[in-house]
Each structure stands twice: as C-alpha cells, then as structure tokens.
Amino acid sequence: MPHTTATRIYPLQLSVPAGTLPSAPQITPWVTEDNVIVSIELEIPPGHNGLTGIRIMKGDTQLLPFASNSWIIANDYSRVFPIDDYVPTGDIKVQAYNQGSYPHAFFLRMTMTLYTPLTAGSSPTDANAIPGITESGSSDPLSPDAILGTDTVAALATGEVTADQLLPVNIPADTSGVPAVTR
C-alpha cells in the first residue's frame, strides 16, 4: 500500500456500564478520516477478569478480532494490531459489553497515514511490480507447439494447413493396459 510516513493517532476511551450484555452491546462510533489505517492499538486494564468483551466493526464487517461474531476478552492486555490498508472510516464502530458489577474502560488508538494512490500516467516501481512470466528454454509439454510441433502450429496460424488436414492421434492400449500415444 503506497503511503507516506506522516501519521496521525486517533485515541478513543470507552467506559462501558456494568450489566451491558453481549446481545445488546454498547456501540460507539469512532470518527476519524478516510485514509490508510496503519494499526489499531487496544489496551484492556487489569480488573476486567473475562467479564468484558470488545470488537471493532466497519459497517456489518468485523475488523477485530478477525473471526466473525467473536470478541476480544482479556484482562491486563495490550496489543497492536497491524492493518496497513486503506479503509473508508465513516462507519467504524466499537462494540463492547460488560457483564461485571462495575463500569470498565477500554483504551484504543488508531494510527493513520495519508493514502497516496498512483495518479494517471504514473507507474509503480520495479520493486512493487508483480513479476511477469518470462520465456524459458523449456516449453510447456501441453502447449500446441509441444503437442503438434512448431511447424504445424505455424502452418495452422498462416492457413497453410487446416485442422481437417491433420492426421488423428491413435491411442492404442499396450499390454500393460496403459495407453501409449502414437502418431
């Protein structure tokens, strides 16, 4: 993903009330910008003890954790999730629940950088280019050249020979039962 090194951090602190169920989680919009999300950092302080869960959604698609319909459930946990992709962020929401007796906080930081798409007339560098297929000395054994011979393929291409003029390939079975190809 082509991007510059200038980054911006969008912090978000959630406080989830006690008794917030996974079936009806607290939903908090995370307003940022449409650009490349470099990473999302999540911090879950001590005290959650497996009674809370959090996930990040983009519309109806779950970004974190990566498995659908799952939650990050932790205690005294800190992790940076690399994303490194352009994501329009207008509909990013954080869903969280808290089945404990006390409110709990989550701390998030989204690191973003400017997306710089290739412009018309520009081209990728050789380092970013996908390698092409190169001609090698050995040909594909199933290519027309290998099966028919280069002279026959050239004659078909120029119209000197038609497919009706080619002799059929005979495939008699040998004594072992394995067919042998002959012309």
N, C-alpha and C. Protein backbone atom coordinates (compact mmCIF):
# COMPACT_ATOMS: atom_id res chain seq x y z
N MET A 1 0.85 -1.16 0.00
CA MET A 1 0.00 0.00 0.00
C MET A 1 0.90 1.23 0.00
N PRO A 2 0.83 2.07 -1.03
CA PRO A 2 1.69 3.25 -1.04
C PRO A 2 1.20 4.29 -0.05
N HIS A 3 2.04 4.71 0.86
CA HIS A 3 1.67 5.78 1.79
C HIS A 3 2.91 6.50 2.28
N THR A 4 2.68 7.68 2.82
CA THR A 4 3.78 8.47 3.35
C THR A 4 4.03 8.08 4.79
N THR A 5 5.03 8.69 5.40
CA THR A 5 5.35 8.34 6.78
C THR A 5 4.67 9.25 7.81
N ALA A 6 4.01 10.32 7.38
CA ALA A 6 3.32 11.20 8.34
C ALA A 6 2.12 10.47 8.91
N THR A 7 2.09 10.29 10.22
CA THR A 7 1.00 9.55 10.85
C THR A 7 0.21 10.44 11.79
N ARG A 8 -1.03 10.03 12.01
CA ARG A 8 -1.91 10.69 12.96
C ARG A 8 -2.51 9.62 13.85
N ILE A 9 -2.71 9.95 15.10
CA ILE A 9 -3.27 8.99 16.06
C ILE A 9 -4.63 9.50 16.52
N TYR A 10 -5.61 8.62 16.45
CA TYR A 10 -6.96 8.92 16.92
C TYR A 10 -7.25 8.06 18.15
N PRO A 11 -7.16 8.65 19.34
CA PRO A 11 -7.44 7.87 20.55
C PRO A 11 -8.95 7.79 20.82
N LEU A 12 -9.33 6.72 21.48
CA LEU A 12 -10.72 6.55 21.89
C LEU A 12 -10.72 5.84 23.24
N GLN A 13 -11.42 6.43 24.21
CA GLN A 13 -11.58 5.79 25.52
C GLN A 13 -13.05 5.48 25.70
N LEU A 14 -13.32 4.20 25.99
CA LEU A 14 -14.69 3.77 26.22
C LEU A 14 -14.87 3.44 27.69
N SER A 15 -15.97 3.84 28.24
CA SER A 15 -16.38 3.39 29.57
C SER A 15 -17.70 2.66 29.38
N VAL A 16 -17.69 1.37 29.72
CA VAL A 16 -18.87 0.54 29.48
C VAL A 16 -19.53 0.26 30.82
N PRO A 17 -20.81 0.63 30.96
CA PRO A 17 -21.50 0.42 32.23
C PRO A 17 -21.66 -1.06 32.58
N ALA A 18 -21.70 -1.34 33.86
CA ALA A 18 -21.96 -2.70 34.34
C ALA A 18 -23.31 -3.17 33.81
N GLY A 19 -23.40 -4.47 33.53
CA GLY A 19 -24.67 -5.04 33.09
C GLY A 19 -24.95 -4.87 31.60
N THR A 20 -23.98 -4.41 30.81
CA THR A 20 -24.16 -4.30 29.36
C THR A 20 -23.90 -5.67 28.75
N LEU A 21 -24.91 -6.26 28.16
CA LEU A 21 -24.83 -7.64 27.68
C LEU A 21 -24.24 -7.75 26.27
N PRO A 22 -23.62 -8.89 25.94
CA PRO A 22 -23.11 -9.10 24.58
C PRO A 22 -24.21 -9.05 23.52
N SER A 23 -25.43 -9.43 23.90
CA SER A 23 -26.54 -9.42 22.95
C SER A 23 -27.05 -8.00 22.67
N ALA A 24 -26.69 -7.04 23.51
CA ALA A 24 -27.06 -5.63 23.33
C ALA A 24 -25.86 -4.76 23.73
N PRO A 25 -24.75 -4.85 22.96
CA PRO A 25 -23.53 -4.15 23.36
C PRO A 25 -23.65 -2.64 23.23
N GLN A 26 -22.78 -1.95 23.96
CA GLN A 26 -22.64 -0.51 23.76
C GLN A 26 -21.97 -0.30 22.41
N ILE A 27 -22.52 0.59 21.58
CA ILE A 27 -21.96 0.86 20.26
C ILE A 27 -21.50 2.31 20.22
N THR A 28 -20.20 2.49 19.95
CA THR A 28 -19.61 3.83 19.94
C THR A 28 -18.98 4.10 18.58
N PRO A 29 -19.44 5.15 17.86
CA PRO A 29 -18.79 5.49 16.58
C PRO A 29 -17.36 5.95 16.84
N TRP A 30 -16.45 5.58 15.93
CA TRP A 30 -15.05 6.02 16.02
C TRP A 30 -14.80 6.89 14.80
N VAL A 31 -14.94 8.21 15.00
CA VAL A 31 -14.84 9.16 13.90
C VAL A 31 -13.37 9.49 13.66
N THR A 32 -12.90 9.20 12.45
CA THR A 32 -11.52 9.50 12.08
C THR A 32 -11.54 10.14 10.69
N GLU A 33 -10.77 9.63 9.77
CA GLU A 33 -10.69 10.15 8.41
C GLU A 33 -10.59 8.96 7.45
N ASP A 34 -10.92 9.19 6.20
CA ASP A 34 -10.77 8.15 5.19
C ASP A 34 -9.32 8.14 4.72
N ASN A 35 -8.55 7.20 5.24
CA ASN A 35 -7.14 7.09 4.90
C ASN A 35 -6.65 5.68 5.22
N VAL A 36 -5.35 5.50 5.20
CA VAL A 36 -4.76 4.20 5.49
C VAL A 36 -4.70 4.01 7.00
N ILE A 37 -5.33 2.93 7.48
CA ILE A 37 -5.18 2.57 8.90
C ILE A 37 -3.90 1.76 9.00
N VAL A 38 -2.91 2.30 9.68
CA VAL A 38 -1.65 1.60 9.87
C VAL A 38 -1.82 0.51 10.91
N SER A 39 -2.43 0.87 12.05
CA SER A 39 -2.62 -0.11 13.13
C SER A 39 -3.72 0.37 14.06
N ILE A 40 -4.20 -0.59 14.84
CA ILE A 40 -5.14 -0.29 15.92
C ILE A 40 -4.56 -0.89 17.18
N GLU A 41 -4.38 -0.04 18.19
CA GLU A 41 -3.84 -0.48 19.47
C GLU A 41 -4.98 -0.58 20.47
N LEU A 42 -4.99 -1.67 21.21
CA LEU A 42 -6.03 -1.91 22.22
C LEU A 42 -5.37 -2.15 23.56
N GLU A 43 -5.89 -1.46 24.57
CA GLU A 43 -5.43 -1.69 25.94
C GLU A 43 -6.64 -1.99 26.81
N ILE A 44 -6.55 -3.12 27.51
CA ILE A 44 -7.60 -3.52 28.46
C ILE A 44 -6.91 -3.56 29.82
N PRO A 45 -7.26 -2.63 30.71
CA PRO A 45 -6.58 -2.56 32.01
C PRO A 45 -6.91 -3.77 32.90
N PRO A 46 -6.15 -3.95 33.98
CA PRO A 46 -6.47 -5.02 34.94
C PRO A 46 -7.85 -4.80 35.55
N GLY A 47 -8.51 -5.88 35.89
CA GLY A 47 -9.80 -5.81 36.56
C GLY A 47 -10.96 -6.29 35.72
N HIS A 48 -10.77 -6.46 34.41
CA HIS A 48 -11.87 -6.92 33.54
C HIS A 48 -12.19 -8.39 33.81
N ASN A 49 -11.17 -9.18 34.06
CA ASN A 49 -11.30 -10.57 34.51
C ASN A 49 -12.25 -11.42 33.68
N GLY A 50 -12.24 -11.24 32.36
CA GLY A 50 -13.05 -12.08 31.48
C GLY A 50 -14.52 -11.74 31.47
N LEU A 51 -14.90 -10.64 32.09
CA LEU A 51 -16.32 -10.26 32.14
C LEU A 51 -16.69 -9.24 31.06
N THR A 52 -15.72 -8.80 30.28
CA THR A 52 -15.97 -7.79 29.26
C THR A 52 -15.49 -8.31 27.90
N GLY A 53 -15.99 -7.67 26.86
CA GLY A 53 -15.55 -8.01 25.52
C GLY A 53 -15.63 -6.79 24.64
N ILE A 54 -14.80 -6.78 23.58
CA ILE A 54 -14.76 -5.64 22.67
C ILE A 54 -14.51 -6.15 21.26
N ARG A 55 -15.05 -5.46 20.26
CA ARG A 55 -14.76 -5.75 18.86
C ARG A 55 -14.95 -4.46 18.07
N ILE A 56 -14.29 -4.42 16.90
CA ILE A 56 -14.34 -3.24 16.05
C ILE A 56 -14.99 -3.65 14.74
N MET A 57 -15.98 -2.86 14.34
CA MET A 57 -16.77 -3.17 13.15
C MET A 57 -16.62 -2.06 12.11
N LYS A 58 -16.66 -2.43 10.84
CA LYS A 58 -16.76 -1.49 9.73
C LYS A 58 -18.07 -1.81 9.05
N GLY A 59 -19.08 -1.05 9.35
CA GLY A 59 -20.43 -1.40 8.89
C GLY A 59 -20.82 -2.71 9.52
N ASP A 60 -21.18 -3.69 8.69
CA ASP A 60 -21.54 -5.02 9.17
C ASP A 60 -20.37 -5.98 9.16
N THR A 61 -19.18 -5.51 8.76
CA THR A 61 -18.00 -6.36 8.68
C THR A 61 -17.13 -6.18 9.91
N GLN A 62 -16.76 -7.28 10.50
CA GLN A 62 -15.93 -7.24 11.70
C GLN A 62 -14.46 -7.09 11.32
N LEU A 63 -13.78 -6.05 11.87
CA LEU A 63 -12.36 -5.86 11.63
C LEU A 63 -11.52 -6.58 12.68
N LEU A 64 -11.89 -6.42 13.95
CA LEU A 64 -11.15 -7.04 15.06
C LEU A 64 -12.14 -7.57 16.09
N PRO A 65 -11.93 -8.74 16.64
CA PRO A 65 -10.99 -9.73 16.16
C PRO A 65 -11.41 -10.19 14.77
N PHE A 66 -10.55 -10.88 14.09
CA PHE A 66 -10.76 -11.19 12.69
C PHE A 66 -11.88 -12.21 12.46
N ALA A 67 -12.14 -13.07 13.41
CA ALA A 67 -13.22 -14.07 13.27
C ALA A 67 -14.56 -13.40 13.53
N SER A 68 -15.53 -13.63 12.65
CA SER A 68 -16.85 -13.04 12.78
C SER A 68 -17.54 -13.50 14.05
N ASN A 69 -18.37 -12.64 14.59
CA ASN A 69 -19.18 -12.93 15.78
C ASN A 69 -18.34 -13.33 16.98
N SER A 70 -17.14 -12.79 17.09
CA SER A 70 -16.30 -13.09 18.25
C SER A 70 -15.91 -11.78 18.93
N TRP A 71 -15.36 -11.90 20.11
CA TRP A 71 -14.98 -10.75 20.93
C TRP A 71 -13.55 -10.94 21.41
N ILE A 72 -12.90 -9.83 21.70
CA ILE A 72 -11.62 -9.88 22.42
C ILE A 72 -11.99 -9.80 23.89
N ILE A 73 -11.69 -10.86 24.61
CA ILE A 73 -11.99 -10.96 26.03
C ILE A 73 -10.66 -11.12 26.74
N ALA A 74 -10.31 -10.16 27.62
CA ALA A 74 -8.98 -10.19 28.21
C ALA A 74 -8.96 -9.43 29.53
N ASN A 75 -7.79 -9.48 30.16
CA ASN A 75 -7.55 -8.76 31.41
C ASN A 75 -6.08 -8.34 31.40
N ASP A 76 -5.81 -7.07 31.69
CA ASP A 76 -4.44 -6.56 31.71
C ASP A 76 -3.74 -6.91 30.40
N TYR A 77 -4.30 -6.40 29.31
CA TYR A 77 -3.91 -6.81 27.95
C TYR A 77 -3.60 -5.57 27.12
N SER A 78 -2.53 -5.63 26.35
CA SER A 78 -2.18 -4.55 25.44
C SER A 78 -1.65 -5.17 24.16
N ARG A 79 -2.18 -4.72 23.02
CA ARG A 79 -1.78 -5.31 21.74
C ARG A 79 -1.96 -4.30 20.63
N VAL A 80 -1.03 -4.32 19.68
CA VAL A 80 -1.14 -3.51 18.47
C VAL A 80 -1.47 -4.45 17.33
N PHE A 81 -2.57 -4.18 16.64
CA PHE A 81 -3.00 -4.98 15.51
C PHE A 81 -2.63 -4.25 14.22
N PRO A 82 -1.72 -4.79 13.42
CA PRO A 82 -1.38 -4.13 12.15
C PRO A 82 -2.52 -4.28 11.16
N ILE A 83 -2.88 -3.20 10.51
CA ILE A 83 -3.93 -3.22 9.50
C ILE A 83 -3.33 -2.88 8.13
N ASP A 84 -2.65 -1.75 8.04
CA ASP A 84 -1.95 -1.29 6.83
C ASP A 84 -2.79 -1.44 5.57
N ASP A 85 -3.99 -0.84 5.60
CA ASP A 85 -4.86 -0.90 4.45
C ASP A 85 -5.71 0.37 4.42
N TYR A 86 -6.07 0.78 3.21
CA TYR A 86 -6.98 1.92 3.07
C TYR A 86 -8.37 1.47 3.46
N VAL A 87 -8.95 2.16 4.41
CA VAL A 87 -10.29 1.81 4.87
C VAL A 87 -11.08 3.10 5.02
N PRO A 88 -12.15 3.28 4.22
CA PRO A 88 -13.02 4.42 4.49
C PRO A 88 -13.61 4.25 5.88
N THR A 89 -13.40 5.23 6.74
CA THR A 89 -13.70 5.02 8.16
C THR A 89 -14.99 5.68 8.62
N GLY A 90 -15.83 6.11 7.70
CA GLY A 90 -17.05 6.79 8.09
C GLY A 90 -18.00 5.97 8.93
N ASP A 91 -17.91 4.65 8.86
CA ASP A 91 -18.87 3.82 9.60
C ASP A 91 -18.17 2.82 10.53
N ILE A 92 -17.01 3.20 11.08
CA ILE A 92 -16.34 2.34 12.05
C ILE A 92 -16.99 2.55 13.41
N LYS A 93 -17.32 1.43 14.03
CA LYS A 93 -17.94 1.47 15.36
C LYS A 93 -17.24 0.46 16.26
N VAL A 94 -17.16 0.80 17.53
CA VAL A 94 -16.61 -0.10 18.54
C VAL A 94 -17.78 -0.64 19.35
N GLN A 95 -17.88 -1.95 19.42
CA GLN A 95 -18.91 -2.60 20.23
C GLN A 95 -18.25 -3.18 21.46
N ALA A 96 -18.88 -3.00 22.61
CA ALA A 96 -18.31 -3.52 23.86
C ALA A 96 -19.44 -3.94 24.80
N TYR A 97 -19.12 -4.93 25.62
CA TYR A 97 -20.06 -5.34 26.66
C TYR A 97 -19.32 -5.47 27.98
N ASN A 98 -20.11 -5.51 29.07
CA ASN A 98 -19.55 -5.60 30.42
C ASN A 98 -20.56 -6.33 31.29
N GLN A 99 -20.30 -7.60 31.60
CA GLN A 99 -21.20 -8.38 32.43
C GLN A 99 -20.81 -8.33 33.90
N GLY A 100 -19.88 -7.44 34.23
CA GLY A 100 -19.42 -7.30 35.61
C GLY A 100 -20.34 -6.40 36.42
N SER A 101 -19.90 -6.16 37.66
CA SER A 101 -20.68 -5.33 38.59
C SER A 101 -20.23 -3.87 38.61
N TYR A 102 -19.12 -3.56 37.96
CA TYR A 102 -18.56 -2.21 37.96
C TYR A 102 -18.32 -1.77 36.51
N PRO A 103 -18.33 -0.46 36.25
CA PRO A 103 -18.00 0.00 34.90
C PRO A 103 -16.54 -0.32 34.57
N HIS A 104 -16.26 -0.57 33.31
CA HIS A 104 -14.89 -0.86 32.86
C HIS A 104 -14.54 -0.01 31.65
N ALA A 105 -13.25 0.32 31.55
CA ALA A 105 -12.77 1.17 30.46
C ALA A 105 -11.92 0.36 29.49
N PHE A 106 -11.96 0.77 28.24
CA PHE A 106 -11.09 0.27 27.18
C PHE A 106 -10.40 1.48 26.57
N PHE A 107 -9.15 1.31 26.18
CA PHE A 107 -8.38 2.39 25.56
C PHE A 107 -7.93 1.92 24.18
N LEU A 108 -8.24 2.72 23.16
CA LEU A 108 -7.88 2.37 21.79
C LEU A 108 -7.15 3.54 21.14
N ARG A 109 -6.26 3.21 20.22
CA ARG A 109 -5.56 4.22 19.43
C ARG A 109 -5.46 3.70 18.00
N MET A 110 -5.98 4.50 17.06
CA MET A 110 -5.87 4.17 15.65
C MET A 110 -4.80 5.06 15.03
N THR A 111 -3.79 4.43 14.45
CA THR A 111 -2.74 5.18 13.77
C THR A 111 -3.06 5.18 12.28
N MET A 112 -3.10 6.38 11.70
CA MET A 112 -3.44 6.53 10.29
C MET A 112 -2.35 7.30 9.56
N THR A 113 -2.30 7.09 8.28
CA THR A 113 -1.37 7.83 7.43
C THR A 113 -2.08 8.17 6.13
N LEU A 114 -1.53 9.10 5.41
CA LEU A 114 -2.13 9.59 4.19
C LEU A 114 -2.03 8.57 3.07
N TYR A 115 -3.16 8.30 2.43
CA TYR A 115 -3.19 7.40 1.28
C TYR A 115 -2.78 8.21 0.05
N THR A 116 -1.82 7.71 -0.70
CA THR A 116 -1.38 8.39 -1.92
C THR A 116 -1.49 7.41 -3.08
N PRO A 117 -2.64 7.39 -3.76
CA PRO A 117 -2.81 6.47 -4.88
C PRO A 117 -1.95 6.89 -6.06
N LEU A 118 -1.66 5.95 -6.95
CA LEU A 118 -0.95 6.28 -8.17
C LEU A 118 -1.83 7.18 -9.02
N THR A 119 -1.26 8.18 -9.63
CA THR A 119 -2.02 9.08 -10.49
C THR A 119 -1.90 8.63 -11.93
N ALA A 120 -2.77 9.14 -12.77
CA ALA A 120 -2.73 8.79 -14.19
C ALA A 120 -1.37 9.15 -14.77
N GLY A 121 -0.81 8.25 -15.51
CA GLY A 121 0.48 8.49 -16.12
C GLY A 121 1.65 8.05 -15.27
N SER A 122 1.40 7.76 -14.00
CA SER A 122 2.50 7.27 -13.16
C SER A 122 2.50 5.76 -13.21
N SER A 123 3.60 5.18 -12.83
CA SER A 123 3.69 3.73 -12.85
C SER A 123 4.37 3.26 -11.59
N PRO A 124 4.07 2.04 -11.18
CA PRO A 124 4.72 1.51 -9.98
C PRO A 124 6.20 1.30 -10.23
N THR A 125 6.96 1.26 -9.16
CA THR A 125 8.38 0.99 -9.28
C THR A 125 8.58 -0.50 -9.52
N ASP A 126 9.78 -0.86 -9.98
CA ASP A 126 10.08 -2.28 -10.20
C ASP A 126 9.95 -3.08 -8.91
N ALA A 127 10.25 -2.45 -7.79
CA ALA A 127 10.17 -3.16 -6.51
C ALA A 127 8.74 -3.55 -6.17
N ASN A 128 7.76 -2.75 -6.62
CA ASN A 128 6.36 -3.03 -6.31
C ASN A 128 5.65 -3.79 -7.43
N ALA A 129 6.32 -3.98 -8.54
CA ALA A 129 5.68 -4.63 -9.69
C ALA A 129 5.55 -6.13 -9.46
N ILE A 130 4.51 -6.69 -10.02
CA ILE A 130 4.32 -8.14 -9.95
C ILE A 130 5.16 -8.75 -11.06
N PRO A 131 5.98 -9.71 -10.74
CA PRO A 131 6.82 -10.29 -11.79
C PRO A 131 5.98 -10.96 -12.86
N GLY A 132 6.37 -10.76 -14.11
CA GLY A 132 5.65 -11.34 -15.22
C GLY A 132 6.20 -12.70 -15.56
N ILE A 133 5.54 -13.36 -16.49
CA ILE A 133 6.00 -14.67 -16.94
C ILE A 133 7.08 -14.43 -17.99
N THR A 134 8.18 -15.09 -17.84
CA THR A 134 9.27 -14.93 -18.80
C THR A 134 9.38 -16.20 -19.64
N GLU A 135 9.85 -16.03 -20.84
CA GLU A 135 10.03 -17.16 -21.75
C GLU A 135 11.25 -17.95 -21.30
N SER A 136 11.12 -19.21 -21.17
CA SER A 136 12.25 -20.04 -20.76
C SER A 136 12.59 -21.02 -21.87
N GLY A 137 13.69 -21.67 -21.73
CA GLY A 137 14.14 -22.62 -22.73
C GLY A 137 13.23 -23.83 -22.83
N SER A 138 12.62 -24.25 -21.74
CA SER A 138 11.74 -25.41 -21.78
C SER A 138 10.31 -24.95 -21.98
N SER A 139 9.61 -25.59 -22.88
CA SER A 139 8.23 -25.20 -23.15
C SER A 139 7.28 -26.06 -22.35
N ASP A 140 6.06 -25.62 -22.30
CA ASP A 140 5.00 -26.36 -21.62
C ASP A 140 4.73 -27.64 -22.42
N PRO A 141 4.79 -28.81 -21.79
CA PRO A 141 4.58 -30.05 -22.53
C PRO A 141 3.17 -30.19 -23.10
N LEU A 142 2.24 -29.36 -22.62
CA LEU A 142 0.87 -29.43 -23.13
C LEU A 142 0.56 -28.28 -24.07
N SER A 143 1.55 -27.49 -24.43
CA SER A 143 1.32 -26.38 -25.35
C SER A 143 1.12 -26.93 -26.76
N PRO A 144 0.45 -26.16 -27.63
CA PRO A 144 0.29 -26.63 -29.02
C PRO A 144 1.63 -26.90 -29.70
N ASP A 145 2.65 -26.08 -29.41
CA ASP A 145 3.96 -26.30 -30.00
C ASP A 145 4.51 -27.67 -29.61
N ALA A 146 4.36 -28.03 -28.34
CA ALA A 146 4.90 -29.31 -27.87
C ALA A 146 4.11 -30.48 -28.42
N ILE A 147 2.80 -30.34 -28.54
CA ILE A 147 1.97 -31.45 -28.98
C ILE A 147 2.02 -31.61 -30.51
N LEU A 148 1.89 -30.50 -31.23
CA LEU A 148 1.80 -30.57 -32.70
C LEU A 148 3.12 -30.32 -33.39
N GLY A 149 4.04 -29.66 -32.71
CA GLY A 149 5.29 -29.24 -33.35
C GLY A 149 5.17 -27.81 -33.84
N THR A 150 6.26 -27.08 -33.81
CA THR A 150 6.22 -25.66 -34.16
C THR A 150 5.86 -25.44 -35.63
N ASP A 151 6.30 -26.34 -36.52
CA ASP A 151 5.98 -26.19 -37.94
C ASP A 151 4.47 -26.31 -38.17
N THR A 152 3.85 -27.27 -37.51
CA THR A 152 2.40 -27.48 -37.67
C THR A 152 1.62 -26.29 -37.12
N VAL A 153 2.02 -25.79 -35.95
CA VAL A 153 1.34 -24.65 -35.35
C VAL A 153 1.46 -23.43 -36.27
N ALA A 154 2.66 -23.20 -36.82
CA ALA A 154 2.86 -22.07 -37.73
C ALA A 154 2.00 -22.24 -38.99
N ALA A 155 1.93 -23.46 -39.51
CA ALA A 155 1.12 -23.70 -40.72
C ALA A 155 -0.36 -23.50 -40.44
N LEU A 156 -0.83 -23.88 -39.26
CA LEU A 156 -2.23 -23.64 -38.88
C LEU A 156 -2.49 -22.14 -38.74
N ALA A 157 -1.53 -21.42 -38.15
CA ALA A 157 -1.70 -19.99 -37.93
C ALA A 157 -1.75 -19.21 -39.25
N THR A 158 -1.00 -19.65 -40.24
CA THR A 158 -0.97 -18.93 -41.52
C THR A 158 -2.04 -19.43 -42.49
N GLY A 159 -2.68 -20.54 -42.18
CA GLY A 159 -3.71 -21.09 -43.05
C GLY A 159 -3.18 -22.06 -44.08
N GLU A 160 -1.89 -22.37 -44.05
CA GLU A 160 -1.32 -23.34 -44.98
C GLU A 160 -1.92 -24.72 -44.75
N VAL A 161 -2.30 -25.01 -43.53
CA VAL A 161 -2.88 -26.30 -43.17
C VAL A 161 -4.14 -26.00 -42.37
N THR A 162 -5.18 -26.81 -42.56
CA THR A 162 -6.39 -26.69 -41.75
C THR A 162 -6.44 -27.86 -40.78
N ALA A 163 -7.25 -27.73 -39.76
CA ALA A 163 -7.38 -28.79 -38.76
C ALA A 163 -7.87 -30.08 -39.39
N ASP A 164 -8.70 -29.99 -40.46
CA ASP A 164 -9.20 -31.20 -41.13
C ASP A 164 -8.08 -31.99 -41.81
N GLN A 165 -6.99 -31.30 -42.15
CA GLN A 165 -5.89 -31.96 -42.84
C GLN A 165 -4.93 -32.67 -41.89
N LEU A 166 -5.07 -32.47 -40.60
CA LEU A 166 -4.17 -33.11 -39.63
C LEU A 166 -4.58 -34.57 -39.44
N LEU A 167 -3.62 -35.43 -39.27
CA LEU A 167 -3.90 -36.84 -39.01
C LEU A 167 -4.38 -37.01 -37.58
N PRO A 168 -5.33 -37.91 -37.32
CA PRO A 168 -5.78 -38.14 -35.94
C PRO A 168 -4.69 -38.82 -35.12
N VAL A 169 -4.77 -38.64 -33.82
CA VAL A 169 -3.82 -39.27 -32.90
C VAL A 169 -4.42 -40.61 -32.50
N ASN A 170 -3.67 -41.68 -32.65
CA ASN A 170 -4.12 -43.01 -32.26
C ASN A 170 -3.63 -43.30 -30.85
N ILE A 171 -4.50 -43.84 -30.03
CA ILE A 171 -4.13 -44.18 -28.66
C ILE A 171 -4.43 -45.65 -28.42
N PRO A 172 -3.57 -46.55 -28.93
CA PRO A 172 -3.80 -47.98 -28.67
C PRO A 172 -3.32 -48.34 -27.26
N ALA A 173 -3.98 -49.32 -26.67
CA ALA A 173 -3.55 -49.78 -25.35
C ALA A 173 -2.42 -50.77 -25.53
N ASP A 174 -1.35 -50.64 -24.73
CA ASP A 174 -0.28 -51.63 -24.81
C ASP A 174 -0.62 -52.80 -23.88
N THR A 175 0.25 -53.73 -23.76
CA THR A 175 -0.04 -54.94 -22.99
C THR A 175 -0.19 -54.66 -21.50
N SER A 176 0.36 -53.56 -21.00
CA SER A 176 0.23 -53.27 -19.56
C SER A 176 -1.09 -52.60 -19.24
N GLY A 177 -1.88 -52.23 -20.27
CA GLY A 177 -3.14 -51.56 -20.04
C GLY A 177 -3.00 -50.06 -19.98
N VAL A 178 -1.77 -49.56 -20.07
CA VAL A 178 -1.55 -48.11 -20.05
C VAL A 178 -1.53 -47.64 -21.49
N PRO A 179 -2.36 -46.64 -21.85
CA PRO A 179 -2.38 -46.19 -23.23
C PRO A 179 -1.05 -45.55 -23.63
N ALA A 180 -0.66 -45.75 -24.86
CA ALA A 180 0.53 -45.12 -25.42
C ALA A 180 0.11 -44.22 -26.55
N VAL A 181 0.68 -43.03 -26.65
CA VAL A 181 0.32 -42.07 -27.67
C VAL A 181 1.27 -42.24 -28.86
N THR A 182 0.68 -42.43 -30.06
CA THR A 182 1.48 -42.53 -31.27
C THR A 182 0.85 -41.64 -32.32
N ARG A 183 1.63 -41.35 -33.36
CA ARG A 183 1.10 -40.57 -34.47
C ARG A 183 1.18 -41.39 -35.72
